[in-house]
Amino acid sequence: MHQSSGLPFVMKYIHYNASSRARPNDFEKLRHNTEFHNLLGYKLVTRQHSIYFSSEARKKVISLISKIDKELRIKRELYDKIF
């Protein structure tokens, strides 16, 4: 989420104390606020997509590293046989 769209809402309804812990100014009001629910829903979906794409990228990187290791092992064995 872009700070320009979410930050004004957060600054209006959420208080951060000295240890950066967030507390709603009025919990009941915030709990029934449609804009707040939409904001949380958007953040949740965005994070879920991020986790999915990160895990897919991680799988591909692990596979690539495995293939590179295999190729290096083969080349090392060939080199050892020649010399």
Protein backbone atom coordinates (compact mmCIF):
# COMPACT_ATOMS: atom_id res chain seq x y z
CA MET A 1 0.00 0.00 0.00
CA HIS A 2 1.22 3.45 -0.75
CA GLN A 3 1.85 5.59 2.27
CA SER A 4 -0.03 8.47 0.71
CA SER A 5 -3.26 6.46 0.73
CA GLY A 6 -2.99 4.66 4.07
CA LEU A 7 -1.00 7.01 6.24
CA PRO A 8 -3.63 9.75 6.61
CA PHE A 9 -6.15 7.15 7.76
CA VAL A 10 -3.72 5.61 10.23
CA MET A 11 -2.73 9.01 11.60
CA LYS A 12 -6.40 9.90 12.12
CA TYR A 13 -7.48 6.74 13.96
CA ILE A 14 -4.34 5.14 15.42
CA HIS A 15 -2.04 6.37 18.19
CA TYR A 16 1.58 5.20 18.39
CA ASN A 17 3.26 5.36 21.78
CA ALA A 18 6.98 5.82 22.46
CA SER A 19 7.72 2.12 21.87
CA SER A 20 5.94 2.26 18.46
CA ARG A 21 2.98 0.20 19.62
CA ALA A 22 -0.23 1.07 17.86
CA ARG A 23 -3.49 1.63 19.71
CA PRO A 24 -6.77 2.79 18.22
CA ASN A 25 -8.04 6.11 19.53
CA ASP A 26 -11.59 4.70 19.66
CA PHE A 27 -11.70 0.94 19.24
CA GLU A 28 -15.48 0.63 18.77
CA LYS A 29 -15.55 3.37 16.16
CA LEU A 30 -12.62 1.82 14.31
CA ARG A 31 -14.09 -1.68 14.53
CA HIS A 32 -17.17 -0.58 12.59
CA ASN A 33 -15.31 1.60 10.11
CA THR A 34 -15.69 0.34 6.52
CA GLU A 35 -12.61 2.21 5.34
CA PHE A 36 -10.55 0.46 8.04
CA HIS A 37 -11.87 -2.96 7.00
CA ASN A 38 -11.08 -2.21 3.36
CA LEU A 39 -7.58 -1.08 4.30
CA LEU A 40 -6.93 -4.24 6.31
CA GLY A 41 -8.35 -6.42 3.54
CA TYR A 42 -6.10 -4.76 0.99
CA LYS A 43 -3.03 -5.20 3.20
CA LEU A 44 -3.90 -8.85 3.83
CA VAL A 45 -4.29 -9.68 0.14
CA THR A 46 -1.11 -7.79 -0.73
CA ARG A 47 0.88 -9.69 1.92
CA GLN A 48 -0.58 -13.04 0.84
CA HIS A 49 0.45 -12.37 -2.77
CA SER A 50 3.89 -11.27 -1.62
CA ILE A 51 4.37 -14.46 0.41
CA TYR A 52 3.21 -16.61 -2.52
CA PHE A 53 5.49 -14.95 -5.06
CA SER A 54 8.43 -14.95 -2.64
CA SER A 55 8.04 -18.66 -1.95
CA GLU A 56 7.77 -19.41 -5.69
CA ALA A 57 10.94 -17.41 -6.35
CA ARG A 58 12.68 -19.21 -3.48
CA LYS A 59 11.77 -22.61 -4.98
CA LYS A 60 13.18 -21.55 -8.35
CA VAL A 61 16.41 -20.26 -6.79
CA ILE A 62 16.88 -23.50 -4.83
CA SER A 63 16.33 -25.50 -8.03
CA LEU A 64 18.81 -23.33 -9.93
CA ILE A 65 21.45 -23.69 -7.21
CA SER A 66 20.96 -27.45 -7.27
CA LYS A 67 21.46 -27.54 -11.06
CA ILE A 68 24.58 -25.37 -10.82
CA ASP A 69 26.00 -27.61 -8.07
CA LYS A 70 25.37 -30.68 -10.21
CA GLU A 71 27.07 -29.11 -13.23
CA LEU A 72 30.06 -28.01 -11.15
CA ARG A 73 30.40 -31.51 -9.69
CA ILE A 74 30.38 -33.05 -13.17
CA LYS A 75 32.98 -30.57 -14.43
CA ARG A 76 35.14 -31.14 -11.35
CA GLU A 77 35.01 -34.91 -11.89
CA LEU A 78 35.99 -34.48 -15.56
CA TYR A 79 38.83 -32.15 -14.58
CA ASP A 80 40.07 -34.65 -11.97
CA LYS A 81 40.07 -37.44 -14.60
CA ILE A 82 42.06 -35.34 -17.08
CA PHE A 83 44.66 -34.12 -14.58
